[in-house]
């Protein structure tokens, strides 16, 4: 099966997990998804220092800067498979 189709299936499977993953895993999933679909982050860091959720999401995605979309897709697929 082609990587894009496997990724799309993993995204669908992520919505049917039996247990909600821990926050750090959710951040990892978010960052891998964004890196897979959009590539490196180009947005400015959040300016509101009290918006902790947005800051955490930004930081998680920023850590993946330079990772290829294909590699991010493979890691996302593997993480979802591990969580199932």
PDB file of N, CA and C in Angstrom:
ATOM      1  N   UNK A   1       0.850  -1.185   0.000  1.00  0.00           N
ATOM      2  CA  UNK A   1       0.000   0.000   0.000  1.00  0.00           C
ATOM      3  C   UNK A   1       0.892   1.243   0.000  1.00  0.00           C
ATOM      4  N   UNK A   2       0.497   2.253  -0.694  1.00  0.00           N
ATOM      5  CA  UNK A   2       1.281   3.480  -0.794  1.00  0.00           C
ATOM      6  C   UNK A   2       1.259   4.251   0.532  1.00  0.00           C
ATOM      7  N   UNK A   3       2.324   4.976   0.800  1.00  0.00           N
ATOM      8  CA  UNK A   3       2.506   5.668   2.076  1.00  0.00           C
ATOM      9  C   UNK A   3       1.363   6.632   2.367  1.00  0.00           C
ATOM     10  N   UNK A   4       0.920   7.381   1.370  1.00  0.00           N
ATOM     11  CA  UNK A   4      -0.171   8.337   1.567  1.00  0.00           C
ATOM     12  C   UNK A   4      -1.456   7.671   2.023  1.00  0.00           C
ATOM     13  N   UNK A   5      -1.750   6.510   1.441  1.00  0.00           N
ATOM     14  CA  UNK A   5      -2.964   5.778   1.822  1.00  0.00           C
ATOM     15  C   UNK A   5      -2.833   5.206   3.230  1.00  0.00           C
ATOM     16  N   UNK A   6      -1.649   4.713   3.563  1.00  0.00           N
ATOM     17  CA  UNK A   6      -1.414   4.214   4.920  1.00  0.00           C
ATOM     18  C   UNK A   6      -1.561   5.333   5.938  1.00  0.00           C
ATOM     19  N   UNK A   7      -1.050   6.512   5.581  1.00  0.00           N
ATOM     20  CA  UNK A   7      -1.160   7.678   6.463  1.00  0.00           C
ATOM     21  C   UNK A   7      -2.625   8.060   6.653  1.00  0.00           C
ATOM     22  N   UNK A   8      -3.377   8.131   5.550  1.00  0.00           N
ATOM     23  CA  UNK A   8      -4.802   8.473   5.640  1.00  0.00           C
ATOM     24  C   UNK A   8      -5.545   7.478   6.523  1.00  0.00           C
ATOM     25  N   UNK A   9      -5.220   6.200   6.402  1.00  0.00           N
ATOM     26  CA  UNK A   9      -5.858   5.179   7.241  1.00  0.00           C
ATOM     27  C   UNK A   9      -5.466   5.362   8.701  1.00  0.00           C
ATOM     28  N   UNK A  10      -4.215   5.725   8.956  1.00  0.00           N
ATOM     29  CA  UNK A  10      -3.772   5.965  10.330  1.00  0.00           C
ATOM     30  C   UNK A  10      -4.509   7.149  10.937  1.00  0.00           C
ATOM     31  N   UNK A  11      -4.762   8.180  10.143  1.00  0.00           N
ATOM     32  CA  UNK A  11      -5.520   9.347  10.625  1.00  0.00           C
ATOM     33  C   UNK A  11      -6.928   8.906  11.017  1.00  0.00           C
ATOM     34  N   UNK A  12      -7.549   8.083  10.197  1.00  0.00           N
ATOM     35  CA  UNK A  12      -8.884   7.562  10.514  1.00  0.00           C
ATOM     36  C   UNK A  12      -8.819   6.722  11.796  1.00  0.00           C
ATOM     37  N   UNK A  13      -7.804   5.869  11.882  1.00  0.00           N
ATOM     38  CA  UNK A  13      -7.653   5.021  13.068  1.00  0.00           C
ATOM     39  C   UNK A  13      -7.403   5.842  14.330  1.00  0.00           C
ATOM     40  N   UNK A  14      -6.785   7.000  14.190  1.00  0.00           N
ATOM     41  CA  UNK A  14      -6.501   7.834  15.367  1.00  0.00           C
ATOM     42  C   UNK A  14      -7.787   8.318  16.028  1.00  0.00           C
ATOM     43  N   UNK A  15      -8.845   8.390  15.259  1.00  0.00           N
ATOM     44  CA  UNK A  15     -10.127   8.870  15.784  1.00  0.00           C
ATOM     45  C   UNK A  15     -10.920   7.756  16.469  1.00  0.00           C
ATOM     46  N   UNK A  16     -10.429   6.518  16.362  1.00  0.00           N
ATOM     47  CA  UNK A  16     -11.162   5.389  16.935  1.00  0.00           C
ATOM     48  C   UNK A  16     -10.346   4.657  18.003  1.00  0.00           C
ATOM     49  N   UNK A  17      -9.340   5.320  18.553  1.00  0.00           N
ATOM     50  CA  UNK A  17      -8.553   4.690  19.616  1.00  0.00           C
ATOM     51  C   UNK A  17      -9.453   4.433  20.821  1.00  0.00           C
ATOM     52  N   UNK A  18      -9.243   3.317  21.489  1.00  0.00           N
ATOM     53  CA  UNK A  18     -10.090   2.968  22.622  1.00  0.00           C
ATOM     54  C   UNK A  18      -9.789   3.816  23.857  1.00  0.00           C
ATOM     55  N   UNK A  19      -8.549   4.271  23.994  1.00  0.00           N
ATOM     56  CA  UNK A  19      -8.178   5.122  25.119  1.00  0.00           C
ATOM     57  C   UNK A  19      -7.552   6.404  24.604  1.00  0.00           C
ATOM     58  N   UNK A  20      -7.835   7.499  25.308  1.00  0.00           N
ATOM     59  CA  UNK A  20      -7.216   8.773  24.937  1.00  0.00           C
ATOM     60  C   UNK A  20      -5.751   8.729  25.343  1.00  0.00           C
ATOM     61  N   UNK A  21      -4.843   9.025  24.395  1.00  0.00           N
ATOM     62  CA  UNK A  21      -3.415   9.027  24.728  1.00  0.00           C
ATOM     63  C   UNK A  21      -3.069  10.143  25.716  1.00  0.00           C
ATOM     64  N   UNK A  22      -1.937   9.988  26.371  1.00  0.00           N
ATOM     65  CA  UNK A  22      -1.453  11.014  27.287  1.00  0.00           C
ATOM     66  C   UNK A  22      -1.153  12.292  26.498  1.00  0.00           C
ATOM     67  N   UNK A  23      -1.110  13.420  27.195  1.00  0.00           N
ATOM     68  CA  UNK A  23      -0.905  14.706  26.533  1.00  0.00           C
ATOM     69  C   UNK A  23       0.392  14.766  25.724  1.00  0.00           C
ATOM     70  N   UNK A  24       1.462  14.173  26.231  1.00  0.00           N
ATOM     71  CA  UNK A  24       2.716  14.210  25.481  1.00  0.00           C
ATOM     72  C   UNK A  24       2.609  13.420  24.175  1.00  0.00           C
ATOM     73  N   UNK A  25       1.838  12.337  24.189  1.00  0.00           N
ATOM     74  CA  UNK A  25       1.628  11.549  22.969  1.00  0.00           C
ATOM     75  C   UNK A  25       0.721  12.316  22.002  1.00  0.00           C
ATOM     76  N   UNK A  26      -0.284  12.992  22.542  1.00  0.00           N
ATOM     77  CA  UNK A  26      -1.156  13.807  21.695  1.00  0.00           C
ATOM     78  C   UNK A  26      -0.355  14.913  21.001  1.00  0.00           C
ATOM     79  N   UNK A  27       0.566  15.528  21.730  1.00  0.00           N
ATOM     80  CA  UNK A  27       1.422  16.552  21.132  1.00  0.00           C
ATOM     81  C   UNK A  27       2.290  15.961  20.029  1.00  0.00           C
ATOM     82  N   UNK A  28       2.807  14.776  20.264  1.00  0.00           N
ATOM     83  CA  UNK A  28       3.639  14.108  19.268  1.00  0.00           C
ATOM     84  C   UNK A  28       2.815  13.797  18.022  1.00  0.00           C
ATOM     85  N   UNK A  29       1.601  13.303  18.209  1.00  0.00           N
ATOM     86  CA  UNK A  29       0.715  13.023  17.081  1.00  0.00           C
ATOM     87  C   UNK A  29       0.402  14.295  16.302  1.00  0.00           C
ATOM     88  N   UNK A  30       0.109  15.369  17.029  1.00  0.00           N
ATOM     89  CA  UNK A  30      -0.187  16.654  16.398  1.00  0.00           C
ATOM     90  C   UNK A  30       0.991  17.110  15.539  1.00  0.00           C
ATOM     91  N   UNK A  31       2.175  17.096  16.128  1.00  0.00           N
ATOM     92  CA  UNK A  31       3.372  17.574  15.431  1.00  0.00           C
ATOM     93  C   UNK A  31       3.677  16.716  14.203  1.00  0.00           C
ATOM     94  N   UNK A  32       3.573  15.401  14.351  1.00  0.00           N
ATOM     95  CA  UNK A  32       3.828  14.512  13.214  1.00  0.00           C
ATOM     96  C   UNK A  32       2.797  14.724  12.103  1.00  0.00           C
ATOM     97  N   UNK A  33       1.543  14.934  12.496  1.00  0.00           N
ATOM     98  CA  UNK A  33       0.500  15.194  11.498  1.00  0.00           C
ATOM     99  C   UNK A  33       0.792  16.485  10.744  1.00  0.00           C
ATOM    100  N   UNK A  34       1.107  17.540  11.472  1.00  0.00           N
ATOM    101  CA  UNK A  34       1.383  18.829  10.842  1.00  0.00           C
ATOM    102  C   UNK A  34       2.617  18.748   9.939  1.00  0.00           C
ATOM    103  N   UNK A  35       3.667  18.073  10.414  1.00  0.00           N
ATOM    104  CA  UNK A  35       4.882  17.936   9.616  1.00  0.00           C
ATOM    105  C   UNK A  35       4.594  17.113   8.360  1.00  0.00           C
ATOM    106  N   UNK A  36       3.744  16.104   8.499  1.00  0.00           N
ATOM    107  CA  UNK A  36       3.386  15.246   7.366  1.00  0.00           C
ATOM    108  C   UNK A  36       2.580  15.981   6.311  1.00  0.00           C
ATOM    109  N   UNK A  37       1.695  16.853   6.760  1.00  0.00           N
ATOM    110  CA  UNK A  37       0.769  17.496   5.832  1.00  0.00           C
ATOM    111  C   UNK A  37       1.224  18.876   5.368  1.00  0.00           C
ATOM    112  N   UNK A  38       2.019  19.581   6.199  1.00  0.00           N
ATOM    113  CA  UNK A  38       2.404  20.947   5.852  1.00  0.00           C
ATOM    114  C   UNK A  38       3.904  21.172   5.769  1.00  0.00           C
ATOM    115  N   UNK A  39       4.682  20.253   6.290  1.00  0.00           N
ATOM    116  CA  UNK A  39       6.129  20.443   6.290  1.00  0.00           C
ATOM    117  C   UNK A  39       6.560  21.307   7.470  1.00  0.00           C
ATOM    118  N   UNK A  40       7.732  21.924   7.342  1.00  0.00           N
ATOM    119  CA  UNK A  40       8.275  22.728   8.435  1.00  0.00           C
ATOM    120  C   UNK A  40       7.346  23.874   8.811  1.00  0.00           C
ATOM    121  N   UNK A  41       7.309  24.149  10.101  1.00  0.00           N
ATOM    122  CA  UNK A  41       6.489  25.240  10.609  1.00  0.00           C
ATOM    123  C   UNK A  41       7.055  26.570  10.120  1.00  0.00           C
ATOM    124  N   UNK A  42       6.171  27.439   9.681  1.00  0.00           N
ATOM    125  CA  UNK A  42       6.589  28.749   9.204  1.00  0.00           C
ATOM    126  C   UNK A  42       5.911  29.870   9.963  1.00  0.00           C
ATOM    127  N   UNK A  43       5.009  29.536  10.871  1.00  0.00           N
ATOM    128  CA  UNK A  43       4.294  30.541  11.645  1.00  0.00           C
ATOM    129  C   UNK A  43       5.202  31.120  12.718  1.00  0.00           C
ATOM    130  N   UNK A  44       4.854  32.305  13.146  1.00  0.00           N
ATOM    131  CA  UNK A  44       5.575  32.939  14.247  1.00  0.00           C
ATOM    132  C   UNK A  44       5.175  32.250  15.551  1.00  0.00           C
ATOM    133  N   UNK A  45       6.062  32.253  16.538  1.00  0.00           N
ATOM    134  CA  UNK A  45       5.695  31.668  17.830  1.00  0.00           C
ATOM    135  C   UNK A  45       4.514  32.429  18.439  1.00  0.00           C
ATOM    136  N   UNK A  46       3.706  31.753  19.242  1.00  0.00           N
ATOM    137  CA  UNK A  46       2.564  32.429  19.854  1.00  0.00           C
ATOM    138  C   UNK A  46       3.042  33.581  20.731  1.00  0.00           C
ATOM    139  N   UNK A  47       2.336  34.695  20.643  1.00  0.00           N
ATOM    140  CA  UNK A  47       2.750  35.877  21.390  1.00  0.00           C
ATOM    141  C   UNK A  47       2.166  35.911  22.802  1.00  0.00           C
ATOM    142  N   UNK A  48       1.069  35.221  23.026  1.00  0.00           N
ATOM    143  CA  UNK A  48       0.442  35.205  24.346  1.00  0.00           C
ATOM    144  C   UNK A  48       1.168  34.194  25.228  1.00  0.00           C
ATOM    145  N   UNK A  49       1.909  34.681  26.189  1.00  0.00           N
ATOM    146  CA  UNK A  49       2.700  33.791  27.039  1.00  0.00           C
ATOM    147  C   UNK A  49       1.843  32.892  27.923  1.00  0.00           C
ATOM    148  N   UNK A  50       0.559  33.190  28.049  1.00  0.00           N
ATOM    149  CA  UNK A  50      -0.323  32.374  28.883  1.00  0.00           C
ATOM    150  C   UNK A  50      -1.143  31.370  28.075  1.00  0.00           C
ATOM    151  N   UNK A  51      -0.935  31.330  26.765  1.00  0.00           N
ATOM    152  CA  UNK A  51      -1.615  30.358  25.916  1.00  0.00           C
ATOM    153  C   UNK A  51      -0.752  29.098  25.851  1.00  0.00           C
ATOM    154  N   UNK A  52      -0.793  28.335  26.916  1.00  0.00           N
ATOM    155  CA  UNK A  52       0.109  27.200  27.091  1.00  0.00           C
ATOM    156  C   UNK A  52      -0.111  26.098  26.058  1.00  0.00           C
ATOM    157  N   UNK A  53      -1.346  25.886  25.669  1.00  0.00           N
ATOM    158  CA  UNK A  53      -1.642  24.827  24.703  1.00  0.00           C
ATOM    159  C   UNK A  53      -1.046  25.164  23.345  1.00  0.00           C
ATOM    160  N   UNK A  54      -1.267  26.378  22.887  1.00  0.00           N
ATOM    161  CA  UNK A  54      -0.723  26.790  21.595  1.00  0.00           C
ATOM    162  C   UNK A  54       0.799  26.784  21.625  1.00  0.00           C
ATOM    163  N   UNK A  55       1.377  27.214  22.733  1.00  0.00           N
ATOM    164  CA  UNK A  55       2.834  27.208  22.860  1.00  0.00           C
ATOM    165  C   UNK A  55       3.377  25.783  22.812  1.00  0.00           C
ATOM    166  N   UNK A  56       2.685  24.854  23.467  1.00  0.00           N
ATOM    167  CA  UNK A  56       3.125  23.455  23.473  1.00  0.00           C
ATOM    168  C   UNK A  56       3.035  22.856  22.071  1.00  0.00           C
ATOM    169  N   UNK A  57       1.946  23.141  21.369  1.00  0.00           N
ATOM    170  CA  UNK A  57       1.784  22.637  20.006  1.00  0.00           C
ATOM    171  C   UNK A  57       2.859  23.212  19.094  1.00  0.00           C
ATOM    172  N   UNK A  58       3.112  24.499  19.216  1.00  0.00           N
ATOM    173  CA  UNK A  58       4.137  25.151  18.400  1.00  0.00           C
ATOM    174  C   UNK A  58       5.504  24.516  18.660  1.00  0.00           C
ATOM    175  N   UNK A  59       5.823  24.338  19.933  1.00  0.00           N
ATOM    176  CA  UNK A  59       7.117  23.755  20.294  1.00  0.00           C
ATOM    177  C   UNK A  59       7.286  22.336  19.784  1.00  0.00           C
ATOM    178  N   UNK A  60       6.233  21.544  19.875  1.00  0.00           N
ATOM    179  CA  UNK A  60       6.297  20.153  19.409  1.00  0.00           C
ATOM    180  C   UNK A  60       6.529  20.094  17.905  1.00  0.00           C
ATOM    181  N   UNK A  61       5.847  20.954  17.176  1.00  0.00           N
ATOM    182  CA  UNK A  61       5.999  20.972  15.724  1.00  0.00           C
ATOM    183  C   UNK A  61       7.369  21.535  15.346  1.00  0.00           C
ATOM    184  N   UNK A  62       7.811  22.558  16.063  1.00  0.00           N
ATOM    185  CA  UNK A  62       9.111  23.185  15.799  1.00  0.00           C
ATOM    186  C   UNK A  62      10.252  22.169  15.949  1.00  0.00           C
ATOM    187  N   UNK A  63      10.109  21.245  16.895  1.00  0.00           N
ATOM    188  CA  UNK A  63      11.143  20.231  17.123  1.00  0.00           C
ATOM    189  C   UNK A  63      11.340  19.311  15.913  1.00  0.00           C
ATOM    190  N   UNK A  64      10.334  19.218  15.056  1.00  0.00           N
ATOM    191  CA  UNK A  64      10.411  18.336  13.889  1.00  0.00           C
ATOM    192  C   UNK A  64      10.938  19.050  12.649  1.00  0.00           C
ATOM    193  N   UNK A  65      11.328  20.301  12.794  1.00  0.00           N
ATOM    194  CA  UNK A  65      11.810  21.076  11.651  1.00  0.00           C
ATOM    195  C   UNK A  65      12.955  20.335  10.961  1.00  0.00           C
ATOM    196  N   UNK A  66      12.847  20.203   9.654  1.00  0.00           N
ATOM    197  CA  UNK A  66      13.855  19.510   8.871  1.00  0.00           C
ATOM    198  C   UNK A  66      13.531  18.052   8.594  1.00  0.00           C
ATOM    199  N   UNK A  67      12.570  17.499   9.321  1.00  0.00           N
ATOM    200  CA  UNK A  67      12.172  16.098   9.092  1.00  0.00           C
ATOM    201  C   UNK A  67      11.322  16.041   7.822  1.00  0.00           C
ATOM    202  N   UNK A  68      11.599  15.090   6.968  1.00  0.00           N
ATOM    203  CA  UNK A  68      10.848  14.985   5.717  1.00  0.00           C
ATOM    204  C   UNK A  68       9.400  14.590   5.984  1.00  0.00           C
ATOM    205  N   UNK A  69       8.542  14.947   5.046  1.00  0.00           N
ATOM    206  CA  UNK A  69       7.125  14.597   5.181  1.00  0.00           C
ATOM    207  C   UNK A  69       6.945  13.085   5.215  1.00  0.00           C
ATOM    208  N   UNK A  70       7.691  12.364   4.381  1.00  0.00           N
ATOM    209  CA  UNK A  70       7.578  10.902   4.341  1.00  0.00           C
ATOM    210  C   UNK A  70       7.989  10.276   5.670  1.00  0.00           C
ATOM    211  N   UNK A  71       9.075  10.766   6.255  1.00  0.00           N
ATOM    212  CA  UNK A  71       9.524  10.234   7.543  1.00  0.00           C
ATOM    213  C   UNK A  71       8.492  10.527   8.624  1.00  0.00           C
ATOM    214  N   UNK A  72       7.944  11.734   8.609  1.00  0.00           N
ATOM    215  CA  UNK A  72       6.914  12.092   9.594  1.00  0.00           C
ATOM    216  C   UNK A  72       5.683  11.202   9.426  1.00  0.00           C
ATOM    217  N   UNK A  73       5.307  10.922   8.187  1.00  0.00           N
ATOM    218  CA  UNK A  73       4.162  10.034   7.933  1.00  0.00           C
ATOM    219  C   UNK A  73       4.437   8.640   8.490  1.00  0.00           C
ATOM    220  N   UNK A  74       5.628   8.126   8.235  1.00  0.00           N
ATOM    221  CA  UNK A  74       5.978   6.790   8.715  1.00  0.00           C
ATOM    222  C   UNK A  74       5.942   6.738  10.244  1.00  0.00           C
ATOM    223  N   UNK A  75       6.452   7.764  10.890  1.00  0.00           N
ATOM    224  CA  UNK A  75       6.450   7.802  12.355  1.00  0.00           C
ATOM    225  C   UNK A  75       5.030   7.926  12.900  1.00  0.00           C
ATOM    226  N   UNK A  76       4.187   8.701  12.218  1.00  0.00           N
ATOM    227  CA  UNK A  76       2.784   8.841  12.630  1.00  0.00           C
ATOM    228  C   UNK A  76       2.076   7.493  12.529  1.00  0.00           C
ATOM    229  N   UNK A  77       2.268   6.814  11.406  1.00  0.00           N
ATOM    230  CA  UNK A  77       1.644   5.499  11.179  1.00  0.00           C
ATOM    231  C   UNK A  77       2.090   4.516  12.264  1.00  0.00           C
ATOM    232  N   UNK A  78       3.388   4.506  12.553  1.00  0.00           N
ATOM    233  CA  UNK A  78       3.925   3.582  13.560  1.00  0.00           C
ATOM    234  C   UNK A  78       3.368   3.898  14.948  1.00  0.00           C
ATOM    235  N   UNK A  79       3.243   5.173  15.273  1.00  0.00           N
ATOM    236  CA  UNK A  79       2.738   5.547  16.595  1.00  0.00           C
ATOM    237  C   UNK A  79       1.266   5.155  16.746  1.00  0.00           C
ATOM    238  N   UNK A  80       0.474   5.393  15.724  1.00  0.00           N
ATOM    239  CA  UNK A  80      -0.931   4.983  15.781  1.00  0.00           C
ATOM    240  C   UNK A  80      -1.052   3.479  15.904  1.00  0.00           C
ATOM    241  N   UNK A  81      -0.242   2.742  15.165  1.00  0.00           N
ATOM    242  CA  UNK A  81      -0.266   1.260  15.260  1.00  0.00           C
ATOM    243  C   UNK A  81       0.087   0.817  16.673  1.00  0.00           C
ATOM    244  N   UNK A  82       1.025   1.497  17.300  1.00  0.00           N
ATOM    245  CA  UNK A  82       1.427   1.153  18.666  1.00  0.00           C
ATOM    246  C   UNK A  82       0.302   1.443  19.669  1.00  0.00           C
ATOM    247  N   UNK A  83      -0.472   2.493  19.406  1.00  0.00           N
ATOM    248  CA  UNK A  83      -1.550   2.886  20.321  1.00  0.00           C
ATOM    249  C   UNK A  83      -2.802   2.039  20.169  1.00  0.00           C
ATOM    250  N   UNK A  84      -2.952   1.370  19.023  1.00  0.00           N
ATOM    251  CA  UNK A  84      -4.153   0.541  18.791  1.00  0.00           C
ATOM    252  C   UNK A  84      -4.163  -0.689  19.655  1.00  0.00           C
TER     253      UNK A  84
END
